[in-house]
Amino acid sequence: MTPPSLPEPIFATAAEEALLANTPTAVPQTEHPAYRLAFQDADFLLREDLRPVRFQLELMKSELVLAEAGIDSTFVFYGSARIPAPDAVPALVAAATTPQQRAVADRLAAKAHYYDVARDLARTVSSHSDGGKRIFTVCSGGGPSIMEAANRGAWDAGMPSVGLNIILPHEQLPNPYVTPGLSMQFHYFALRKMHFLMRAKAVAVFPGGFGTFDELFELLTLVQTGKVAPLPILIYGRAFWTKVVNFEALADEGVIAHSDLDLLHFVETADEGWSIVRAHYGL
């Protein structure tokens, strides 16, 4: 028996109502801001009182975009926005005019190979599928350097990738390798970090600064406390990370358990990282 069809909606859509609202008869009442539809009133939406609503909107918009694009699982890349691509090293070094600047430029140049490592890893994970279904969609912060390398690796493989940009005082444009329909912009760091991890099946962390530390240690805290299921956390650059963070000392001091160190996998190459992810998921 054929089920009865549902009746057409009896209310006009929000888009239809908004169109009517945008063409009112000009009288003092309709020209006052109080008359605007609430969801079209930017001044209203940007009020301090509306922050909880903006939180919800920022969470929901990206969730809908990713869900409608069929992005079920991601391979997240964290890392510095300052490490140069190998072909940018000569210009970086040439721009250094003092011994201190030259020393910093040399140290950044020494990390330039991680651009290629991130690109290779992203190309590899993007190319992997299970029965024709994409398993890992590359997701980065959408900016330059390591983030660009990640999106570029997916682009090399002809696969889509996600870029989660954040509004910063200094303009940050999405790198050109992010899939346009998967390029999103955030105001709230907290919600951006949620979207990094809501679909994450593996995370690769390259040398970086405060932002990378923030993302890495929040992830470690979530896994350590059981808020997030264990997943491969690949730490690229043992020499860098053990120089800037004494993980062993944290355990020796008793503020973390020695078993917590097992959450970290120190690796150097794309193949090493991919082998750990494959073993974790039995691929």
Protein backbone atom coordinates (compact mmCIF):
# COMPACT_ATOMS: atom_id res chain seq x y z
CA MET A 1 0.00 0.00 0.00
CA THR A 2 1.42 3.36 -0.98
CA PRO A 3 1.72 5.67 2.04
CA PRO A 4 -0.13 8.95 1.70
CA SER A 5 2.04 11.82 0.54
CA LEU A 6 2.74 14.60 2.97
CA PRO A 7 1.06 17.92 2.28
CA GLU A 8 3.15 20.81 1.07
CA PRO A 9 4.39 23.11 3.85
CA ILE A 10 1.80 25.74 4.65
CA PHE A 11 4.26 28.36 5.81
CA ALA A 12 6.47 30.42 3.52
CA THR A 13 10.16 29.62 3.74
CA ALA A 14 12.51 31.89 5.63
CA ALA A 15 14.13 32.87 2.32
CA GLU A 16 10.76 33.91 0.90
CA GLU A 17 9.89 35.90 3.99
CA ALA A 18 13.30 37.56 4.00
CA LEU A 19 12.77 38.67 0.41
CA LEU A 20 9.49 40.33 1.37
CA ALA A 21 11.07 41.89 4.43
CA ASN A 22 13.78 43.46 2.29
CA THR A 23 11.27 45.37 0.16
CA PRO A 24 9.01 47.11 2.68
CA THR A 25 7.07 50.28 2.14
CA ALA A 26 9.29 53.09 3.40
CA VAL A 27 7.65 54.57 6.48
CA PRO A 28 9.30 55.62 9.75
CA GLN A 29 8.41 52.33 11.42
CA THR A 30 9.88 50.07 8.71
CA GLU A 31 13.07 52.14 8.49
CA HIS A 32 13.84 51.73 12.19
CA PRO A 33 16.28 48.89 13.09
CA ALA A 34 13.69 47.42 15.46
CA TYR A 35 11.61 46.39 12.44
CA ARG A 36 14.27 44.13 10.89
CA LEU A 37 13.77 40.40 10.97
CA ALA A 38 15.90 39.08 13.83
CA PHE A 39 17.92 36.72 11.63
CA GLN A 40 18.70 39.53 9.18
CA ASP A 41 19.66 42.08 11.79
CA ALA A 42 23.46 42.08 11.95
CA ASP A 43 23.53 44.63 14.76
CA PHE A 44 21.26 42.38 16.81
CA LEU A 45 23.22 39.19 16.07
CA LEU A 46 26.49 40.87 17.05
CA ARG A 47 25.26 42.02 20.46
CA GLU A 48 27.20 40.76 23.48
CA ASP A 49 24.03 39.02 24.70
CA LEU A 50 23.89 36.93 21.53
CA ARG A 51 27.24 35.21 22.02
CA PRO A 52 25.61 31.84 22.89
CA VAL A 53 23.63 32.03 19.63
CA ARG A 54 26.77 32.83 17.64
CA PHE A 55 28.48 29.84 19.26
CA GLN A 56 25.64 27.62 18.10
CA LEU A 57 25.65 29.07 14.59
CA GLU A 58 29.40 28.68 14.20
CA LEU A 59 29.23 25.08 15.38
CA MET A 60 26.22 24.24 13.22
CA LYS A 61 27.24 25.86 9.94
CA SER A 62 30.50 23.92 9.65
CA GLU A 63 28.81 20.74 10.85
CA LEU A 64 26.22 21.00 8.08
CA VAL A 65 28.80 21.86 5.41
CA LEU A 66 30.95 18.84 6.30
CA ALA A 67 28.02 16.46 6.70
CA GLU A 68 26.46 17.48 3.39
CA ALA A 69 29.85 17.02 1.69
CA GLY A 70 30.05 13.46 3.04
CA ILE A 71 33.12 14.13 5.19
CA ASP A 72 32.85 11.35 7.77
CA SER A 73 36.43 11.07 8.98
CA THR A 74 39.48 13.31 8.79
CA PHE A 75 43.25 13.20 9.08
CA VAL A 76 44.19 16.41 10.88
CA PHE A 77 47.45 18.31 10.38
CA TYR A 78 48.78 20.78 12.95
CA GLY A 79 51.97 22.81 12.57
CA SER A 80 53.67 26.15 12.22
CA ALA A 81 52.60 28.86 9.79
CA ARG A 82 56.24 30.03 9.65
CA ILE A 83 58.20 27.02 8.40
CA PRO A 84 59.13 27.78 4.77
CA ALA A 85 58.59 25.54 1.80
CA PRO A 86 62.00 24.35 0.53
CA ASP A 87 61.88 26.65 -2.49
CA ALA A 88 61.30 29.66 -0.19
CA VAL A 89 64.42 29.06 1.91
CA PRO A 90 66.83 31.19 -0.17
CA ALA A 91 64.57 34.24 0.10
CA LEU A 92 64.10 33.69 3.84
CA VAL A 93 67.83 33.51 4.48
CA ALA A 94 68.58 36.45 2.18
CA ALA A 95 66.08 38.62 4.08
CA ALA A 96 67.96 38.16 7.37
CA THR A 97 70.03 41.29 8.02
CA THR A 98 71.37 40.68 11.54
CA PRO A 99 73.16 37.71 13.12
CA GLN A 100 70.11 37.02 15.29
CA GLN A 101 67.75 37.08 12.29
CA ARG A 102 70.15 34.84 10.38
CA ALA A 103 70.23 32.33 13.23
CA VAL A 104 66.43 32.20 13.33
CA ALA A 105 66.25 31.93 9.53
CA ASP A 106 68.74 29.05 9.59
CA ARG A 107 66.70 27.19 12.20
CA LEU A 108 63.49 27.65 10.22
CA ALA A 109 65.28 26.59 7.04
CA ALA A 110 66.40 23.40 8.79
CA LYS A 111 62.73 22.51 9.28
CA ALA A 112 61.74 23.20 5.65
CA HIS A 113 61.85 19.50 4.79
CA TYR A 114 58.77 19.01 6.98
CA TYR A 115 56.78 20.84 4.31
CA ASP A 116 57.57 17.98 1.93
CA VAL A 117 56.93 15.37 4.64
CA ALA A 118 53.48 16.84 5.39
CA ARG A 119 52.69 17.00 1.68
CA ASP A 120 53.76 13.38 1.15
CA LEU A 121 51.76 12.16 4.14
CA ALA A 122 48.66 14.04 3.02
CA ARG A 123 48.97 12.66 -0.51
CA THR A 124 49.25 9.12 0.88
CA VAL A 125 46.32 9.28 3.28
CA SER A 126 44.11 11.04 0.72
CA SER A 127 44.77 8.31 -1.81
CA HIS A 128 43.71 5.52 0.54
CA SER A 129 40.19 4.16 0.23
CA ASP A 130 38.22 1.17 1.47
CA GLY A 131 35.96 -0.35 -1.14
CA GLY A 132 36.03 2.90 -3.06
CA LYS A 133 35.07 4.93 0.01
CA ARG A 134 37.37 7.71 1.17
CA ILE A 135 38.61 7.02 4.70
CA PHE A 136 40.73 10.05 5.56
CA THR A 137 39.95 13.55 4.35
CA VAL A 138 42.85 15.91 5.02
CA CYS A 139 41.97 18.75 7.38
CA SER A 140 44.26 21.67 8.20
CA GLY A 141 44.05 25.15 9.65
CA GLY A 142 43.79 26.42 6.10
CA GLY A 143 46.77 28.76 6.30
CA PRO A 144 50.32 28.72 4.91
CA SER A 145 53.38 26.53 5.54
CA ILE A 146 52.62 23.09 7.06
CA MET A 147 48.89 23.72 6.62
CA GLU A 148 49.39 24.52 2.94
CA ALA A 149 51.55 21.42 2.51
CA ALA A 150 48.75 19.23 3.90
CA ASN A 151 46.08 20.64 1.59
CA ARG A 152 48.54 20.54 -1.28
CA GLY A 153 49.18 16.83 -0.76
CA ALA A 154 45.45 16.13 -1.02
CA TRP A 155 45.31 18.34 -4.11
CA ASP A 156 48.18 16.32 -5.63
CA ALA A 157 46.04 13.19 -5.18
CA GLY A 158 43.02 14.87 -6.76
CA MET A 159 41.11 14.64 -3.49
CA PRO A 160 39.16 17.25 -1.50
CA SER A 161 40.53 18.71 1.70
CA VAL A 162 39.22 20.87 4.52
CA GLY A 163 40.63 24.22 5.70
CA LEU A 164 39.47 25.73 9.01
CA ASN A 165 40.68 29.31 9.02
CA ILE A 166 40.47 31.67 11.98
CA ILE A 167 40.03 35.45 11.98
CA LEU A 168 43.32 37.00 13.14
CA PRO A 169 44.51 40.60 13.48
CA HIS A 170 46.84 39.97 10.56
CA GLU A 171 44.87 38.81 7.53
CA GLN A 172 45.01 35.06 7.01
CA LEU A 173 43.74 33.92 3.62
CA PRO A 174 43.01 30.27 2.88
CA ASN A 175 45.86 28.63 1.03
CA PRO A 176 45.05 27.92 -2.64
CA TYR A 177 44.91 24.13 -2.21
CA VAL A 178 41.89 23.99 0.12
CA THR A 179 38.73 22.78 -1.60
CA PRO A 180 36.63 25.98 -1.93
CA GLY A 181 33.42 24.37 -0.67
CA LEU A 182 35.28 23.01 2.37
CA SER A 183 37.02 26.26 3.31
CA MET A 184 35.51 27.71 6.47
CA GLN A 185 36.24 30.69 8.68
CA PHE A 186 35.90 30.82 12.46
CA HIS A 187 35.73 33.57 15.04
CA TYR A 188 35.97 31.31 18.11
CA PHE A 189 39.12 29.25 18.61
CA ALA A 190 37.21 26.82 20.83
CA LEU A 191 34.71 25.90 18.12
CA ARG A 192 37.41 25.61 15.49
CA LYS A 193 39.26 23.15 17.72
CA MET A 194 36.06 21.16 18.21
CA HIS A 195 35.68 20.81 14.45
CA PHE A 196 39.30 19.72 14.12
CA LEU A 197 38.58 16.75 16.38
CA MET A 198 34.91 15.85 15.89
CA ARG A 199 35.76 13.70 12.84
CA ALA A 200 39.48 13.11 13.44
CA LYS A 201 40.80 9.57 13.05
CA ALA A 202 44.48 10.54 13.18
CA VAL A 203 46.47 13.70 13.91
CA ALA A 204 49.91 14.68 12.62
CA VAL A 205 51.65 17.39 14.65
CA PHE A 206 54.63 19.19 13.11
CA PRO A 207 56.93 21.72 14.81
CA GLY A 208 55.02 24.84 15.72
CA GLY A 209 54.42 27.62 18.20
CA PHE A 210 51.71 28.62 20.65
CA GLY A 211 48.84 27.61 18.35
CA THR A 212 50.29 24.17 17.70
CA PHE A 213 51.02 23.68 21.41
CA ASP A 214 47.45 24.67 22.25
CA GLU A 215 46.01 22.17 19.79
CA LEU A 216 48.38 19.34 20.75
CA PHE A 217 47.99 19.63 24.50
CA GLU A 218 44.22 19.96 24.33
CA LEU A 219 44.13 16.78 22.24
CA LEU A 220 46.43 14.96 24.69
CA THR A 221 44.24 16.09 27.59
CA LEU A 222 41.07 14.88 25.88
CA VAL A 223 42.55 11.44 25.17
CA GLN A 224 44.20 11.16 28.59
CA THR A 225 40.91 11.93 30.36
CA GLY A 226 38.83 9.66 28.15
CA LYS A 227 36.84 12.46 26.52
CA VAL A 228 38.17 11.33 23.12
CA ALA A 229 38.81 7.75 22.06
CA PRO A 230 42.50 6.90 21.55
CA LEU A 231 43.74 7.71 18.06
CA PRO A 232 47.17 7.89 16.40
CA ILE A 233 48.95 11.13 17.42
CA LEU A 234 52.00 11.47 15.20
CA ILE A 235 54.66 13.88 16.50
CA TYR A 236 57.02 14.96 13.73
CA GLY A 237 60.47 16.11 14.77
CA ARG A 238 61.66 14.37 17.95
CA ALA A 239 64.68 16.69 18.21
CA PHE A 240 62.46 19.77 18.16
CA TRP A 241 59.79 18.51 20.52
CA THR A 242 62.10 17.00 23.13
CA LYS A 243 64.11 20.24 23.12
CA VAL A 244 61.13 22.51 23.75
CA VAL A 245 59.09 20.15 25.99
CA ASN A 246 60.58 17.70 28.48
CA PHE A 247 57.85 15.09 28.37
CA GLU A 248 59.89 12.63 30.43
CA ALA A 249 60.30 15.23 33.17
CA LEU A 250 56.54 15.66 33.38
CA ALA A 251 56.22 11.94 34.05
CA ASP A 252 59.17 11.89 36.46
CA GLU A 253 57.61 14.75 38.41
CA GLY A 254 54.42 12.72 38.74
CA VAL A 255 52.11 15.24 37.07
CA ILE A 256 51.39 12.75 34.29
CA ALA A 257 51.79 8.98 34.24
CA HIS A 258 54.67 7.38 32.36
CA SER A 259 52.00 5.46 30.42
CA ASP A 260 50.68 8.79 29.13
CA LEU A 261 53.83 9.08 27.05
CA ASP A 262 52.52 6.17 25.00
CA LEU A 263 49.96 8.55 23.51
CA LEU A 264 52.77 10.12 21.47
CA HIS A 265 54.37 8.53 18.42
CA PHE A 266 57.57 10.31 17.42
CA VAL A 267 58.17 9.95 13.69
CA GLU A 268 60.17 11.64 10.93
CA THR A 269 58.83 10.40 7.60
CA ALA A 270 55.48 10.06 5.89
CA ASP A 271 55.93 6.29 5.66
CA GLU A 272 56.61 5.97 9.40
CA GLY A 273 53.49 7.92 10.28
CA TRP A 274 51.29 6.07 7.80
CA SER A 275 52.52 2.70 9.11
CA ILE A 276 51.40 3.62 12.64
CA VAL A 277 47.97 4.68 11.42
CA ARG A 278 47.57 1.53 9.33
CA ALA A 279 48.54 -0.66 12.28
CA HIS A 280 46.15 1.18 14.62
CA TYR A 281 43.17 0.61 12.33
CA GLY A 282 44.25 -2.71 10.85
CA LEU A 283 44.27 -1.31 7.32
